[in-house]
Amino acid sequence: LVFGFLLTTVLMRFDYMTCPVQDLGASAWSNVSCEPKN
């Protein structure tokens, strides 16, 4: 439970993690962004 709260806090800061996939070829080094964001 503690780990779930902390891990979510970290992952939610990165668009690469939170944005729905638009380009299957995109990677962590791509300029991934999404608007509007959930």
All heavy atoms as atom14 arrays in JSON, in Angstrom:
{
  "sequence": "LVFGFLLTTVLMRFDYMTCPVQDLGASAWSNVSCEPKN",
  "atom14_mask": [
    [1, 1, 1, 1, 1, 1, 1, 1, 0, 0, 0, 0, 0, 0],
    [1, 1, 1, 1, 1, 1, 1, 0, 0, 0, 0, 0, 0, 0],
    [1, 1, 1, 1, 1, 1, 1, 1, 1, 1, 1, 0, 0, 0],
    [1, 1, 1, 1, 0, 0, 0, 0, 0, 0, 0, 0, 0, 0],
    [1, 1, 1, 1, 1, 1, 1, 1, 1, 1, 1, 0, 0, 0],
    [1, 1, 1, 1, 1, 1, 1, 1, 0, 0, 0, 0, 0, 0],
    [1, 1, 1, 1, 1, 1, 1, 1, 0, 0, 0, 0, 0, 0],
    [1, 1, 1, 1, 1, 1, 1, 0, 0, 0, 0, 0, 0, 0],
    [1, 1, 1, 1, 1, 1, 1, 0, 0, 0, 0, 0, 0, 0],
    [1, 1, 1, 1, 1, 1, 1, 0, 0, 0, 0, 0, 0, 0],
    [1, 1, 1, 1, 1, 1, 1, 1, 0, 0, 0, 0, 0, 0],
    [1, 1, 1, 1, 1, 1, 1, 1, 0, 0, 0, 0, 0, 0],
    [1, 1, 1, 1, 1, 1, 1, 1, 1, 1, 1, 0, 0, 0],
    [1, 1, 1, 1, 1, 1, 1, 1, 1, 1, 1, 0, 0, 0],
    [1, 1, 1, 1, 1, 1, 1, 1, 0, 0, 0, 0, 0, 0],
    [1, 1, 1, 1, 1, 1, 1, 1, 1, 1, 1, 1, 0, 0],
    [1, 1, 1, 1, 1, 1, 1, 1, 0, 0, 0, 0, 0, 0],
    [1, 1, 1, 1, 1, 1, 1, 0, 0, 0, 0, 0, 0, 0],
    [1, 1, 1, 1, 1, 1, 0, 0, 0, 0, 0, 0, 0, 0],
    [1, 1, 1, 1, 1, 1, 1, 0, 0, 0, 0, 0, 0, 0],
    [1, 1, 1, 1, 1, 1, 1, 0, 0, 0, 0, 0, 0, 0],
    [1, 1, 1, 1, 1, 1, 1, 1, 1, 0, 0, 0, 0, 0],
    [1, 1, 1, 1, 1, 1, 1, 1, 0, 0, 0, 0, 0, 0],
    [1, 1, 1, 1, 1, 1, 1, 1, 0, 0, 0, 0, 0, 0],
    [1, 1, 1, 1, 0, 0, 0, 0, 0, 0, 0, 0, 0, 0],
    [1, 1, 1, 1, 1, 0, 0, 0, 0, 0, 0, 0, 0, 0],
    [1, 1, 1, 1, 1, 1, 0, 0, 0, 0, 0, 0, 0, 0],
    [1, 1, 1, 1, 1, 0, 0, 0, 0, 0, 0, 0, 0, 0],
    [1, 1, 1, 1, 1, 1, 1, 1, 1, 1, 1, 1, 1, 1],
    [1, 1, 1, 1, 1, 1, 0, 0, 0, 0, 0, 0, 0, 0],
    [1, 1, 1, 1, 1, 1, 1, 1, 0, 0, 0, 0, 0, 0],
    [1, 1, 1, 1, 1, 1, 1, 0, 0, 0, 0, 0, 0, 0],
    [1, 1, 1, 1, 1, 1, 0, 0, 0, 0, 0, 0, 0, 0],
    [1, 1, 1, 1, 1, 1, 0, 0, 0, 0, 0, 0, 0, 0],
    [1, 1, 1, 1, 1, 1, 1, 1, 1, 0, 0, 0, 0, 0],
    [1, 1, 1, 1, 1, 1, 1, 0, 0, 0, 0, 0, 0, 0],
    [1, 1, 1, 1, 1, 1, 1, 1, 1, 0, 0, 0, 0, 0],
    [1, 1, 1, 1, 1, 1, 1, 1, 0, 0, 0, 0, 0, 0]
  ],
  "atom14_positions": [
    [[0.83, -1.21, 0.0], [0.0, 0.0, 0.0], [0.87, 1.26, 0.0], [0.61, 2.2, -0.76], [-0.91, 0.0, 1.23], [-2.05, -1.02, 1.24], [-2.78, -1.0, 2.57], [-3.02, -0.77, 0.09], [0.0, 0.0, 0.0], [0.0, 0.0, 0.0], [0.0, 0.0, 0.0], [0.0, 0.0, 0.0], [0.0, 0.0, 0.0], [0.0, 0.0, 0.0]],
    [[1.9, 1.26, 0.83], [2.81, 2.41, 0.87], [3.56, 2.53, -0.46], [3.7, 3.63, -1.02], [3.8, 2.27, 2.04], [4.8, 3.42, 2.03], [3.06, 2.22, 3.37], [0.0, 0.0, 0.0], [0.0, 0.0, 0.0], [0.0, 0.0, 0.0], [0.0, 0.0, 0.0], [0.0, 0.0, 0.0], [0.0, 0.0, 0.0], [0.0, 0.0, 0.0]],
    [[4.04, 1.41, -0.96], [4.78, 1.41, -2.22], [3.91, 1.89, -3.38], [4.37, 2.63, -4.26], [5.3, 0.0, -2.5], [6.01, -0.14, -3.81], [7.31, 0.32, -3.97], [5.38, -0.75, -4.9], [7.96, 0.19, -5.19], [6.03, -0.88, -6.11], [7.33, -0.41, -6.26], [0.0, 0.0, 0.0], [0.0, 0.0, 0.0], [0.0, 0.0, 0.0]],
    [[2.63, 1.48, -3.39], [1.73, 1.91, -4.46], [1.55, 3.41, -4.49], [1.55, 4.02, -5.57], [0.0, 0.0, 0.0], [0.0, 0.0, 0.0], [0.0, 0.0, 0.0], [0.0, 0.0, 0.0], [0.0, 0.0, 0.0], [0.0, 0.0, 0.0], [0.0, 0.0, 0.0], [0.0, 0.0, 0.0], [0.0, 0.0, 0.0], [0.0, 0.0, 0.0]],
    [[1.41, 4.03, -3.32], [1.26, 5.49, -3.25], [2.53, 6.19, -3.74], [2.46, 7.13, -4.53], [0.95, 5.91, -1.82], [0.69, 7.38, -1.66], [-0.57, 7.9, -1.87], [1.71, 8.25, -1.31], [-0.81, 9.27, -1.73], [1.48, 9.61, -1.17], [0.21, 10.12, -1.39], [0.0, 0.0, 0.0], [0.0, 0.0, 0.0], [0.0, 0.0, 0.0]],
    [[3.69, 5.7, -3.29], [4.95, 6.35, -3.65], [5.27, 6.16, -5.13], [5.71, 7.1, -5.81], [6.09, 5.79, -2.79], [5.99, 6.06, -1.28], [7.14, 5.39, -0.55], [5.96, 7.55, -1.0], [0.0, 0.0, 0.0], [0.0, 0.0, 0.0], [0.0, 0.0, 0.0], [0.0, 0.0, 0.0], [0.0, 0.0, 0.0], [0.0, 0.0, 0.0]],
    [[5.07, 4.95, -5.66], [5.38, 4.69, -7.06], [4.48, 5.51, -7.98], [4.94, 6.06, -8.99], [5.23, 3.2, -7.37], [5.54, 2.79, -8.81], [6.99, 3.11, -9.16], [5.25, 1.31, -9.04], [0.0, 0.0, 0.0], [0.0, 0.0, 0.0], [0.0, 0.0, 0.0], [0.0, 0.0, 0.0], [0.0, 0.0, 0.0], [0.0, 0.0, 0.0]],
    [[3.21, 5.61, -7.63], [2.29, 6.43, -8.43], [2.72, 7.89, -8.44], [2.65, 8.56, -9.47], [0.86, 6.32, -7.88], [0.48, 4.95, -7.78], [-0.12, 7.04, -8.79], [0.0, 0.0, 0.0], [0.0, 0.0, 0.0], [0.0, 0.0, 0.0], [0.0, 0.0, 0.0], [0.0, 0.0, 0.0], [0.0, 0.0, 0.0], [0.0, 0.0, 0.0]],
    [[3.2, 8.37, -7.3], [3.68, 9.76, -7.2], [4.84, 10.01, -8.15], [4.94, 11.1, -8.73], [4.12, 10.04, -5.75], [3.03, 9.78, -4.86], [4.55, 11.49, -5.6], [0.0, 0.0, 0.0], [0.0, 0.0, 0.0], [0.0, 0.0, 0.0], [0.0, 0.0, 0.0], [0.0, 0.0, 0.0], [0.0, 0.0, 0.0], [0.0, 0.0, 0.0]],
    [[5.69, 9.01, -8.34], [6.83, 9.16, -9.24], [6.39, 9.04, -10.7], [6.73, 9.89, -11.54], [7.91, 8.11, -8.92], [9.04, 8.17, -9.95], [8.47, 8.32, -7.52], [0.0, 0.0, 0.0], [0.0, 0.0, 0.0], [0.0, 0.0, 0.0], [0.0, 0.0, 0.0], [0.0, 0.0, 0.0], [0.0, 0.0, 0.0], [0.0, 0.0, 0.0]],
    [[5.63, 8.02, -11.03], [5.26, 7.76, -12.43], [4.39, 8.86, -13.02], [4.47, 9.15, -14.22], [4.54, 6.41, -12.53], [5.37, 5.16, -12.18], [4.51, 3.92, -12.3], [6.59, 5.04, -13.08], [0.0, 0.0, 0.0], [0.0, 0.0, 0.0], [0.0, 0.0, 0.0], [0.0, 0.0, 0.0], [0.0, 0.0, 0.0], [0.0, 0.0, 0.0]],
    [[3.53, 9.47, -12.21], [2.6, 10.48, -12.73], [3.31, 11.75, -13.22], [2.68, 12.58, -13.9], [1.59, 10.87, -11.64], [2.22, 11.48, -10.42], [1.03, 11.94, -9.14], [0.4, 13.47, -9.81], [0.0, 0.0, 0.0], [0.0, 0.0, 0.0], [0.0, 0.0, 0.0], [0.0, 0.0, 0.0], [0.0, 0.0, 0.0], [0.0, 0.0, 0.0]],
    [[4.58, 11.88, -12.94], [5.33, 13.08, -13.34], [5.86, 12.99, -14.78], [6.36, 13.98, -15.31], [6.51, 13.3, -12.38], [6.08, 13.47, -10.94], [7.27, 13.58, -10.01], [6.86, 13.67, -8.61], [6.49, 14.78, -7.99], [6.5, 15.92, -8.65], [6.12, 14.76, -6.71], [0.0, 0.0, 0.0], [0.0, 0.0, 0.0], [0.0, 0.0, 0.0]],
    [[5.75, 11.83, -15.41], [6.35, 11.63, -16.74], [5.26, 11.42, -17.78], [4.45, 10.48, -17.67], [7.3, 10.43, -16.72], [8.44, 10.57, -15.73], [8.35, 9.99, -14.48], [9.58, 11.29, -16.07], [9.38, 10.12, -13.56], [10.62, 11.42, -15.16], [10.52, 10.83, -13.9], [0.0, 0.0, 0.0], [0.0, 0.0, 0.0], [0.0, 0.0, 0.0]],
    [[5.24, 12.26, -18.81], [4.26, 12.11, -19.88], [4.43, 10.79, -20.63], [3.45, 10.23, -21.13], [4.39, 13.28, -20.87], [3.8, 14.57, -20.33], [3.13, 14.49, -19.28], [4.02, 15.62, -20.93], [0.0, 0.0, 0.0], [0.0, 0.0, 0.0], [0.0, 0.0, 0.0], [0.0, 0.0, 0.0], [0.0, 0.0, 0.0], [0.0, 0.0, 0.0]],
    [[5.64, 10.31, -20.7], [5.89, 9.03, -21.38], [5.12, 7.9, -20.7], [4.75, 6.92, -21.35], [7.39, 8.72, -21.38], [7.76, 7.42, -22.05], [7.53, 7.21, -23.4], [8.35, 6.39, -21.32], [7.87, 6.01, -24.01], [8.7, 5.2, -21.92], [8.46, 5.01, -23.27], [8.8, 3.81, -23.86], [0.0, 0.0, 0.0], [0.0, 0.0, 0.0]],
    [[4.89, 8.04, -19.4], [4.17, 7.02, -18.66], [2.66, 7.24, -18.68], [1.88, 6.29, -18.7], [4.65, 6.99, -17.2], [6.01, 6.36, -17.02], [5.9, 4.57, -17.22], [7.65, 4.13, -17.33], [0.0, 0.0, 0.0], [0.0, 0.0, 0.0], [0.0, 0.0, 0.0], [0.0, 0.0, 0.0], [0.0, 0.0, 0.0], [0.0, 0.0, 0.0]],
    [[2.24, 8.48, -18.67], [0.82, 8.77, -18.48], [0.03, 8.97, -19.76], [-1.2, 8.8, -19.76], [0.67, 10.03, -17.61], [1.33, 11.14, -18.27], [1.3, 9.83, -16.24], [0.0, 0.0, 0.0], [0.0, 0.0, 0.0], [0.0, 0.0, 0.0], [0.0, 0.0, 0.0], [0.0, 0.0, 0.0], [0.0, 0.0, 0.0], [0.0, 0.0, 0.0]],
    [[0.68, 9.33, -20.86], [-0.04, 9.62, -22.1], [-0.46, 8.35, -22.83], [0.33, 7.4, -22.93], [0.83, 10.46, -23.04], [1.09, 12.15, -22.46], [0.0, 0.0, 0.0], [0.0, 0.0, 0.0], [0.0, 0.0, 0.0], [0.0, 0.0, 0.0], [0.0, 0.0, 0.0], [0.0, 0.0, 0.0], [0.0, 0.0, 0.0], [0.0, 0.0, 0.0]],
    [[-1.68, 8.31, -23.36], [-2.07, 7.2, -24.23], [-1.18, 7.16, -25.46], [-0.66, 8.18, -25.91], [-3.52, 7.54, -24.61], [-3.99, 8.48, -23.54], [-2.78, 9.26, -23.13], [0.0, 0.0, 0.0], [0.0, 0.0, 0.0], [0.0, 0.0, 0.0], [0.0, 0.0, 0.0], [0.0, 0.0, 0.0], [0.0, 0.0, 0.0], [0.0, 0.0, 0.0]],
    [[-1.0, 5.96, -26.0], [-0.08, 5.77, -27.12], [-0.67, 6.38, -28.39], [-1.79, 6.06, -28.79], [0.22, 4.28, -27.34], [1.09, 4.08, -28.57], [0.89, 3.69, -26.1], [0.0, 0.0, 0.0], [0.0, 0.0, 0.0], [0.0, 0.0, 0.0], [0.0, 0.0, 0.0], [0.0, 0.0, 0.0], [0.0, 0.0, 0.0], [0.0, 0.0, 0.0]],
    [[0.09, 7.28, -29.0], [-0.26, 7.84, -30.3], [0.69, 7.35, -31.39], [0.3, 7.17, -32.53], [-0.21, 9.38, -30.23], [-1.18, 9.98, -29.22], [-2.62, 9.74, -29.58], [-2.97, 9.69, -30.76], [-3.47, 9.61, -28.57], [0.0, 0.0, 0.0], [0.0, 0.0, 0.0], [0.0, 0.0, 0.0], [0.0, 0.0, 0.0], [0.0, 0.0, 0.0]],
    [[1.94, 7.14, -31.01], [2.97, 6.68, -31.94], [3.65, 5.46, -31.32], [4.34, 5.57, -30.31], [3.98, 7.78, -32.2], [5.1, 7.34, -33.15], [4.96, 6.25, -33.77], [6.11, 8.06, -33.27], [0.0, 0.0, 0.0], [0.0, 0.0, 0.0], [0.0, 0.0, 0.0], [0.0, 0.0, 0.0], [0.0, 0.0, 0.0], [0.0, 0.0, 0.0]],
    [[3.44, 4.29, -31.92], [4.01, 3.06, -31.36], [5.53, 3.09, -31.36], [6.17, 2.39, -30.57], [3.52, 1.84, -32.15], [2.07, 1.4, -31.89], [1.68, 0.3, -32.86], [1.9, 0.93, -30.46], [0.0, 0.0, 0.0], [0.0, 0.0, 0.0], [0.0, 0.0, 0.0], [0.0, 0.0, 0.0], [0.0, 0.0, 0.0], [0.0, 0.0, 0.0]],
    [[6.13, 3.87, -32.23], [7.58, 3.93, -32.32], [8.22, 4.87, -31.32], [9.45, 4.93, -31.23], [0.0, 0.0, 0.0], [0.0, 0.0, 0.0], [0.0, 0.0, 0.0], [0.0, 0.0, 0.0], [0.0, 0.0, 0.0], [0.0, 0.0, 0.0], [0.0, 0.0, 0.0], [0.0, 0.0, 0.0], [0.0, 0.0, 0.0], [0.0, 0.0, 0.0]],
    [[7.42, 5.6, -30.56], [7.97, 6.54, -29.58], [8.67, 5.81, -28.45], [8.3, 4.69, -28.09], [6.87, 7.43, -29.03], [0.0, 0.0, 0.0], [0.0, 0.0, 0.0], [0.0, 0.0, 0.0], [0.0, 0.0, 0.0], [0.0, 0.0, 0.0], [0.0, 0.0, 0.0], [0.0, 0.0, 0.0], [0.0, 0.0, 0.0], [0.0, 0.0, 0.0]],
    [[9.7, 6.45, -27.89], [10.47, 5.86, -26.79], [10.57, 6.87, -25.66], [10.0, 7.98, -25.72], [11.87, 5.46, -27.26], [12.65, 6.61, -27.58], [0.0, 0.0, 0.0], [0.0, 0.0, 0.0], [0.0, 0.0, 0.0], [0.0, 0.0, 0.0], [0.0, 0.0, 0.0], [0.0, 0.0, 0.0], [0.0, 0.0, 0.0], [0.0, 0.0, 0.0]],
    [[11.33, 6.52, -24.62], [11.49, 7.41, -23.47], [12.22, 8.69, -23.86], [12.12, 9.7, -23.15], [12.23, 6.69, -22.35], [0.0, 0.0, 0.0], [0.0, 0.0, 0.0], [0.0, 0.0, 0.0], [0.0, 0.0, 0.0], [0.0, 0.0, 0.0], [0.0, 0.0, 0.0], [0.0, 0.0, 0.0], [0.0, 0.0, 0.0], [0.0, 0.0, 0.0]],
    [[12.94, 8.66, -24.97], [13.7, 9.82, -25.4], [12.93, 10.66, -26.42], [13.43, 11.67, -26.89], [15.04, 9.38, -25.99], [15.89, 8.71, -24.96], [16.73, 9.31, -24.07], [15.97, 7.31, -24.7], [17.32, 8.36, -23.27], [16.88, 7.12, -23.63], [15.35, 6.18, -25.24], [17.19, 5.88, -23.11], [15.65, 4.93, -24.73], [16.56, 4.79, -23.67]],
    [[11.74, 10.23, -26.76], [10.9, 11.01, -27.67], [10.19, 12.12, -26.89], [10.03, 12.03, -25.67], [9.87, 10.11, -28.34], [10.5, 9.04, -29.04], [0.0, 0.0, 0.0], [0.0, 0.0, 0.0], [0.0, 0.0, 0.0], [0.0, 0.0, 0.0], [0.0, 0.0, 0.0], [0.0, 0.0, 0.0], [0.0, 0.0, 0.0], [0.0, 0.0, 0.0]],
    [[9.76, 13.12, -27.61], [9.07, 14.24, -26.97], [7.58, 13.91, -26.86], [6.73, 14.45, -27.57], [9.28, 15.52, -27.78], [8.71, 16.73, -27.06], [8.55, 16.72, -25.85], [8.4, 17.75, -27.83], [0.0, 0.0, 0.0], [0.0, 0.0, 0.0], [0.0, 0.0, 0.0], [0.0, 0.0, 0.0], [0.0, 0.0, 0.0], [0.0, 0.0, 0.0]],
    [[7.26, 13.0, -25.94], [5.89, 12.54, -25.78], [5.11, 13.54, -24.91], [5.57, 13.94, -23.85], [5.85, 11.14, -25.12], [4.41, 10.71, -24.86], [6.56, 10.13, -26.01], [0.0, 0.0, 0.0], [0.0, 0.0, 0.0], [0.0, 0.0, 0.0], [0.0, 0.0, 0.0], [0.0, 0.0, 0.0], [0.0, 0.0, 0.0], [0.0, 0.0, 0.0]],
    [[3.95, 13.94, -25.38], [3.08, 14.82, -24.62], [1.64, 14.56, -25.05], [1.4, 14.02, -26.13], [3.43, 16.29, -24.84], [3.27, 16.64, -26.2], [0.0, 0.0, 0.0], [0.0, 0.0, 0.0], [0.0, 0.0, 0.0], [0.0, 0.0, 0.0], [0.0, 0.0, 0.0], [0.0, 0.0, 0.0], [0.0, 0.0, 0.0], [0.0, 0.0, 0.0]],
    [[0.71, 14.96, -24.2], [-0.71, 14.75, -24.53], [-1.53, 15.89, -23.94], [-1.38, 16.23, -22.77], [-1.2, 13.4, -24.02], [-0.82, 13.07, -22.27], [0.0, 0.0, 0.0], [0.0, 0.0, 0.0], [0.0, 0.0, 0.0], [0.0, 0.0, 0.0], [0.0, 0.0, 0.0], [0.0, 0.0, 0.0], [0.0, 0.0, 0.0], [0.0, 0.0, 0.0]],
    [[-2.4, 16.45, -24.75], [-3.31, 17.51, -24.32], [-4.69, 17.22, -24.91], [-4.82, 16.99, -26.12], [-2.81, 18.87, -24.78], [-1.54, 19.34, -24.09], [-1.72, 19.58, -22.6], [-2.89, 19.76, -22.17], [-0.71, 19.59, -21.88], [0.0, 0.0, 0.0], [0.0, 0.0, 0.0], [0.0, 0.0, 0.0], [0.0, 0.0, 0.0], [0.0, 0.0, 0.0]],
    [[-5.77, 17.25, -24.13], [-5.72, 17.48, -22.68], [-5.29, 16.22, -21.95], [-5.57, 15.1, -22.39], [-7.17, 17.83, -22.35], [-7.96, 17.07, -23.36], [-7.14, 17.07, -24.63], [0.0, 0.0, 0.0], [0.0, 0.0, 0.0], [0.0, 0.0, 0.0], [0.0, 0.0, 0.0], [0.0, 0.0, 0.0], [0.0, 0.0, 0.0], [0.0, 0.0, 0.0]],
    [[-4.65, 16.4, -20.84], [-4.19, 15.28, -20.02], [-5.31, 14.87, -19.07], [-6.09, 15.7, -18.6], [-2.95, 15.69, -19.23], [-2.14, 14.54, -18.68], [-0.84, 15.05, -18.07], [0.0, 13.9, -17.58], [1.29, 14.36, -17.0], [0.0, 0.0, 0.0], [0.0, 0.0, 0.0], [0.0, 0.0, 0.0], [0.0, 0.0, 0.0], [0.0, 0.0, 0.0]],
    [[-5.37, 13.58, -18.78], [-6.39, 13.08, -17.87], [-6.3, 13.82, -16.53], [-5.23, 13.89, -15.92], [-6.2, 11.57, -17.66], [-7.42, 10.93, -17.03], [-7.98, 11.42, -16.06], [-7.84, 9.8, -17.58], [0.0, 0.0, 0.0], [0.0, 0.0, 0.0], [0.0, 0.0, 0.0], [0.0, 0.0, 0.0], [0.0, 0.0, 0.0], [0.0, 0.0, 0.0]]
  ]
}
